[in-house]
Amino acid sequence: MSYTCPICGSDNVEDTGFRAENDELKALHRVYGCLKCTGRFLADRPSSIGKVQVSAEAVPSEASIQHVRRWFEDKKSLDECDYPFSLIPIIEEHATGKRVLEVGCGASQLLPMLRHRGFQVEGFEGDPAGLWLARERGEIVSTGDWDAISHILRCRQFDCIVSDQVFEHTLRPGHFLKELRELLAPEGKLIFRLPNEGSLRRNLELTVARLKGRNHTRSYFVDHWNYFNSRALRICFQNNGYRVLSLKQDLSPQGFMMGKLLKTMNGHPLLCRALGRTMARVDSHLLSNGLTIVAAPS
């Protein structure tokens, strides 16, 4: 079977030999690399996935609500010493107005932080449990098929659309970017943060796996369908009607070690804030495990 790169559309792709774990199906997916954009993606993709092609009428189970509630509380301290120093300053710098949409907001820590700074905010979420909790907290959040987000949010326009650790989950990244372009106001900006496939940490992990004769690592798993490095991310945006204003290689606190470290520092808010400021200043290929891109319609 032949495959086409979902990131750039090229058919010049090859099997990397690595496999991604699908815990739910107890199966492995092939990981392909694109020789044009140098991004990677999971082959044998489904035609739809629950949290993206979700029904607006989907009702979460009590177990799923409790699971997301626990995850949300565990993540709270992480976000509180990350967003004020990383995403929020970028939004304040680039948003030409006050209307902000967070795509993939979950139960959302970011939305209330932005509202307290004077922004008019709303979210879009595919997980029914996350949606339920966000609305329980009083947030304005829409849901539905992500591939039709411009139709679902029609008549609305936003000065900034922000998304954190979401883009890698989409089955059709190019189509998704085109959908979001329809929702941007004139001079509006798109701000995405996502894992960095080109980071030194990722490359070292893959090298060690090869040396050990293993064909799967923690780096590749379902439901991350696309794996972007700086080049692949830039090409994806440019191919779908955007000009890239900035592309930063950062030390995303979503990384496993940073998350663990911040949890141990809950009782030391000053240290947490100092760490958050330091991490937000990082722009290094050697240290990065994340990418932050700011783009505008071309």
Protein backbone atom coordinates (compact mmCIF):
# COMPACT_ATOMS: atom_id res chain seq x y z
CA MET A 1 0.00 0.00 0.00
CA SER A 2 1.28 3.49 -0.85
CA TYR A 3 1.02 6.40 1.56
CA THR A 4 0.93 10.17 1.25
CA CYS A 5 2.42 12.46 3.88
CA PRO A 6 -0.49 14.15 5.72
CA ILE A 7 1.82 17.02 6.67
CA CYS A 8 2.92 18.19 3.21
CA GLY A 9 1.10 15.95 0.71
CA SER A 10 4.23 14.32 -0.74
CA ASP A 11 4.22 10.65 -1.72
CA ASN A 12 7.99 10.46 -1.24
CA VAL A 13 7.77 8.60 2.05
CA GLU A 14 9.43 5.57 3.62
CA ASP A 15 8.90 3.20 6.51
CA THR A 16 11.20 4.23 9.38
CA GLY A 17 11.10 0.76 10.88
CA PHE A 18 9.62 2.13 14.10
CA ARG A 19 6.20 1.19 15.38
CA ALA A 20 3.72 3.13 17.52
CA GLU A 21 1.86 1.41 20.31
CA ASN A 22 -1.92 1.29 20.29
CA ASP A 23 -2.77 0.28 23.87
CA GLU A 24 -6.50 0.03 23.22
CA LEU A 25 -6.18 -2.43 20.33
CA LYS A 26 -2.96 -4.04 21.59
CA ALA A 27 -1.45 -3.38 18.17
CA LEU A 28 1.46 -1.55 16.54
CA HIS A 29 1.16 1.10 13.81
CA ARG A 30 3.88 1.70 11.24
CA VAL A 31 5.74 5.01 11.52
CA TYR A 32 6.57 6.58 8.16
CA GLY A 33 8.95 9.45 7.44
CA CYS A 34 8.56 12.00 4.66
CA LEU A 35 11.69 12.65 2.60
CA LYS A 36 10.38 16.06 1.52
CA CYS A 37 9.27 17.80 4.74
CA THR A 38 11.17 15.39 7.09
CA GLY A 39 8.14 15.03 9.36
CA ARG A 40 6.79 11.65 10.43
CA PHE A 41 3.32 10.16 10.68
CA LEU A 42 1.48 6.99 11.64
CA ALA A 43 0.37 4.84 8.74
CA ASP A 44 -2.81 2.72 8.77
CA ARG A 45 -4.79 5.66 10.11
CA PRO A 46 -8.49 5.30 10.91
CA SER A 47 -11.04 7.25 8.91
CA SER A 48 -12.21 8.99 12.07
CA ILE A 49 -11.34 9.21 15.75
CA GLY A 50 -13.68 9.84 18.64
CA LYS A 51 -12.22 13.01 20.11
CA VAL A 52 -11.97 14.74 16.72
CA GLN A 53 -14.97 13.52 14.74
CA VAL A 54 -17.10 13.75 17.87
CA SER A 55 -20.87 14.06 17.89
CA ALA A 56 -22.19 17.21 19.52
CA GLU A 57 -24.69 15.00 21.36
CA ALA A 58 -22.05 12.69 22.88
CA VAL A 59 -22.65 12.17 26.61
CA PRO A 60 -19.66 11.37 28.87
CA SER A 61 -19.76 8.54 31.36
CA GLU A 62 -19.32 9.28 35.05
CA ALA A 63 -16.04 7.31 35.00
CA SER A 64 -14.65 9.46 32.17
CA ILE A 65 -15.68 12.66 33.95
CA GLN A 66 -13.88 11.57 37.13
CA HIS A 67 -10.80 10.57 35.12
CA VAL A 68 -10.60 13.97 33.42
CA ARG A 69 -11.30 15.75 36.71
CA ARG A 70 -8.32 13.99 38.35
CA TRP A 71 -6.10 14.72 35.36
CA PHE A 72 -7.20 18.35 35.39
CA GLU A 73 -6.30 18.76 39.06
CA ASP A 74 -2.93 17.03 38.57
CA LYS A 75 -2.14 19.41 35.71
CA LYS A 76 -3.29 22.56 37.52
CA SER A 77 0.03 23.52 39.09
CA LEU A 78 1.83 22.78 35.83
CA ASP A 79 -0.35 25.21 33.89
CA GLU A 80 -0.26 27.91 36.55
CA CYS A 81 3.51 28.21 36.38
CA ASP A 82 3.66 27.73 32.62
CA TYR A 83 0.95 29.71 30.81
CA PRO A 84 1.65 33.12 32.44
CA PHE A 85 5.23 32.97 31.19
CA SER A 86 4.86 31.12 27.89
CA LEU A 87 1.59 31.23 25.95
CA ILE A 88 -0.07 34.25 27.56
CA PRO A 89 2.76 36.73 26.74
CA ILE A 90 2.73 35.50 23.13
CA ILE A 91 -1.05 35.97 22.93
CA GLU A 92 -0.75 39.46 24.45
CA GLU A 93 1.97 40.34 21.94
CA HIS A 94 0.28 39.07 18.79
CA ALA A 95 -3.49 39.34 19.33
CA THR A 96 -4.71 42.49 17.58
CA GLY A 97 -7.95 42.41 19.61
CA LYS A 98 -9.44 40.66 22.61
CA ARG A 99 -11.33 37.74 21.02
CA VAL A 100 -9.51 34.45 21.69
CA LEU A 101 -10.49 30.87 20.83
CA GLU A 102 -8.69 27.95 22.49
CA VAL A 103 -8.95 24.81 20.35
CA GLY A 104 -8.69 21.59 22.31
CA CYS A 105 -9.26 23.44 25.57
CA GLY A 106 -10.20 20.44 27.72
CA ALA A 107 -11.53 21.57 31.09
CA SER A 108 -9.23 24.58 30.49
CA GLN A 109 -6.90 26.42 32.79
CA LEU A 110 -5.96 28.89 30.06
CA LEU A 111 -9.42 30.37 29.39
CA PRO A 112 -9.98 31.83 32.89
CA MET A 113 -6.40 33.13 32.99
CA LEU A 114 -7.01 35.02 29.75
CA ARG A 115 -10.40 36.30 30.87
CA HIS A 116 -8.83 37.77 34.02
CA ARG A 117 -6.50 39.69 31.71
CA GLY A 118 -9.38 41.25 29.82
CA PHE A 119 -9.77 38.85 26.88
CA GLN A 120 -13.12 37.63 25.53
CA VAL A 121 -12.61 33.87 25.45
CA GLU A 122 -14.29 30.69 24.35
CA GLY A 123 -13.15 27.15 23.69
CA PHE A 124 -13.64 24.19 21.38
CA GLU A 125 -13.23 20.65 22.72
CA GLY A 126 -13.74 17.15 21.36
CA ASP A 127 -13.63 15.10 24.55
CA PRO A 128 -17.18 14.98 26.01
CA ALA A 129 -15.84 14.74 29.58
CA GLY A 130 -13.53 17.73 29.13
CA LEU A 131 -16.38 19.66 27.54
CA TRP A 132 -18.69 18.80 30.44
CA LEU A 133 -16.17 19.96 33.05
CA ALA A 134 -15.38 23.19 31.19
CA ARG A 135 -19.06 24.08 31.03
CA GLU A 136 -19.46 23.10 34.68
CA ARG A 137 -16.84 25.75 35.43
CA GLY A 138 -18.81 28.35 33.45
CA GLU A 139 -16.73 28.37 30.26
CA ILE A 140 -18.27 28.91 26.82
CA VAL A 141 -17.16 25.82 24.89
CA SER A 142 -18.42 24.36 21.60
CA THR A 143 -17.94 20.86 20.23
CA GLY A 144 -18.46 18.77 17.11
CA ASP A 145 -16.48 17.52 14.12
CA TRP A 146 -13.11 19.31 14.07
CA ASP A 147 -13.01 19.00 10.29
CA ALA A 148 -16.08 21.26 10.19
CA ILE A 149 -15.09 23.73 12.91
CA SER A 150 -15.54 26.77 10.65
CA HIS A 151 -19.15 25.72 10.02
CA ILE A 152 -19.83 25.00 13.70
CA LEU A 153 -18.46 28.42 14.76
CA ARG A 154 -19.77 30.32 11.72
CA CYS A 155 -20.42 34.06 12.13
CA ARG A 156 -17.67 34.19 14.78
CA GLN A 157 -14.21 35.61 14.16
CA PHE A 158 -11.25 35.63 16.50
CA ASP A 159 -8.22 37.85 16.84
CA CYS A 160 -6.20 34.88 18.08
CA ILE A 161 -6.68 31.12 17.96
CA VAL A 162 -4.45 29.22 20.37
CA SER A 163 -3.90 25.49 20.77
CA ASP A 164 -1.58 23.62 23.12
CA GLN A 165 -0.50 20.00 22.47
CA VAL A 166 -3.38 19.37 20.05
CA PHE A 167 -2.19 19.67 16.42
CA GLU A 168 -0.35 16.35 16.54
CA HIS A 169 -3.70 14.61 17.25
CA THR A 170 -5.44 15.70 14.04
CA LEU A 171 -5.87 13.23 11.18
CA ARG A 172 -5.90 15.96 8.49
CA PRO A 173 -3.61 18.77 9.67
CA GLY A 174 -3.74 20.70 6.40
CA HIS A 175 -7.53 20.69 6.27
CA PHE A 176 -7.66 21.71 9.93
CA LEU A 177 -5.46 24.74 9.26
CA LYS A 178 -7.70 25.80 6.38
CA GLU A 179 -10.76 25.48 8.61
CA LEU A 180 -9.20 27.69 11.28
CA ARG A 181 -8.20 30.30 8.70
CA GLU A 182 -11.91 30.91 8.07
CA LEU A 183 -12.35 31.85 11.74
CA LEU A 184 -9.52 34.38 11.94
CA ALA A 185 -10.34 38.08 11.88
CA PRO A 186 -8.31 40.34 9.58
CA GLU A 187 -4.78 40.45 11.03
CA GLY A 188 -5.68 37.48 13.26
CA LYS A 189 -2.97 35.11 14.49
CA LEU A 190 -2.70 31.37 15.05
CA ILE A 191 -0.54 30.19 17.98
CA PHE A 192 0.20 26.47 18.34
CA ARG A 193 2.44 24.60 20.76
CA LEU A 194 3.27 20.95 20.12
CA PRO A 195 5.99 18.28 20.59
CA ASN A 196 9.26 18.66 18.67
CA GLU A 197 10.13 15.56 16.65
CA GLY A 198 13.51 17.11 15.83
CA SER A 199 14.65 17.57 19.42
CA LEU A 200 17.90 16.11 20.66
CA ARG A 201 16.00 14.19 23.35
CA ARG A 202 13.77 12.53 20.75
CA ASN A 203 16.71 11.65 18.49
CA LEU A 204 18.68 10.18 21.39
CA GLU A 205 15.72 8.05 22.42
CA LEU A 206 15.32 6.70 18.89
CA THR A 207 19.06 6.04 18.57
CA VAL A 208 19.11 4.07 21.82
CA ALA A 209 16.08 2.07 20.66
CA ARG A 210 17.82 1.13 17.42
CA LEU A 211 20.98 0.11 19.28
CA LYS A 212 18.89 -2.14 21.53
CA GLY A 213 17.12 -3.65 18.53
CA ARG A 214 13.72 -2.30 19.56
CA ASN A 215 11.20 -1.06 17.00
CA HIS A 216 8.98 0.95 19.34
CA THR A 217 9.62 3.58 22.01
CA ARG A 218 7.63 5.87 24.28
CA SER A 219 8.02 8.57 21.62
CA TYR A 220 5.51 7.02 19.22
CA PHE A 221 2.01 6.15 20.34
CA VAL A 222 -1.62 6.39 19.38
CA ASP A 223 -3.22 9.01 19.42
CA HIS A 224 -0.38 11.21 18.19
CA TRP A 225 -0.81 10.78 14.44
CA ASN A 226 1.68 13.38 13.17
CA TYR A 227 5.21 14.19 14.33
CA PHE A 228 6.53 17.64 13.43
CA ASN A 229 10.04 19.05 13.48
CA SER A 230 10.67 22.73 12.70
CA ARG A 231 10.91 22.16 8.94
CA ALA A 232 7.78 20.02 8.71
CA LEU A 233 5.74 22.45 10.81
CA ARG A 234 6.81 25.45 8.73
CA ILE A 235 6.05 23.66 5.45
CA CYS A 236 2.64 22.52 6.70
CA PHE A 237 1.61 26.06 7.58
CA GLN A 238 3.00 27.60 4.38
CA ASN A 239 1.31 24.97 2.21
CA ASN A 240 -2.06 25.80 3.75
CA GLY A 241 -2.17 29.56 3.38
CA TYR A 242 -0.14 30.94 6.28
CA ARG A 243 3.02 32.96 6.71
CA VAL A 244 5.09 31.99 9.71
CA LEU A 245 5.86 34.95 11.98
CA SER A 246 7.92 33.04 14.53
CA LEU A 247 8.92 29.47 15.28
CA LYS A 248 10.51 28.83 18.66
CA GLN A 249 12.15 25.66 19.94
CA ASP A 250 11.14 25.62 23.57
CA LEU A 251 11.31 23.57 26.72
CA SER A 252 7.65 22.65 26.97
CA PRO A 253 6.67 21.81 30.56
CA GLN A 254 4.38 19.15 29.15
CA GLY A 255 7.54 17.05 29.01
CA PHE A 256 7.49 14.14 31.46
CA MET A 257 10.42 15.25 33.61
CA MET A 258 9.25 18.86 33.86
CA GLY A 259 5.80 17.70 34.92
CA LYS A 260 7.24 15.49 37.63
CA LEU A 261 9.56 18.26 38.85
CA LEU A 262 6.81 20.87 39.09
CA LYS A 263 4.57 18.49 41.07
CA THR A 264 7.28 18.12 43.71
CA MET A 265 7.48 21.93 44.00
CA ASN A 266 3.79 22.57 44.76
CA GLY A 267 4.62 23.95 48.18
CA HIS A 268 7.16 26.41 46.77
CA PRO A 269 5.26 28.87 44.50
CA LEU A 270 8.18 31.28 44.13
CA LEU A 271 10.43 28.50 42.86
CA CYS A 272 7.68 27.33 40.50
CA ARG A 273 7.30 30.79 39.02
CA ALA A 274 11.08 31.18 38.67
CA LEU A 275 11.25 27.85 36.85
CA GLY A 276 8.33 28.87 34.63
CA ARG A 277 10.07 32.11 33.62
CA THR A 278 13.32 30.28 32.89
CA MET A 279 11.64 27.61 30.79
CA ALA A 280 9.74 30.21 28.78
CA ARG A 281 13.01 31.88 27.71
CA VAL A 282 14.49 28.70 26.24
CA ASP A 283 14.96 28.68 22.46
CA SER A 284 17.49 25.90 21.97
CA HIS A 285 17.76 22.90 19.69
CA LEU A 286 19.77 21.09 22.35
CA LEU A 287 17.22 21.60 25.13
CA SER A 288 13.90 21.82 23.32
CA ASN A 289 11.20 19.20 23.50
CA GLY A 290 8.51 21.50 22.11
CA LEU A 291 7.75 23.91 19.27
CA THR A 292 5.73 27.12 19.42
CA ILE A 293 4.61 28.63 16.12
CA VAL A 294 2.92 31.97 15.47
CA ALA A 295 1.38 32.39 12.02
CA ALA A 296 -1.00 34.66 10.09
CA PRO A 297 -3.00 34.05 6.90
CA SER A 298 -0.86 34.85 3.86
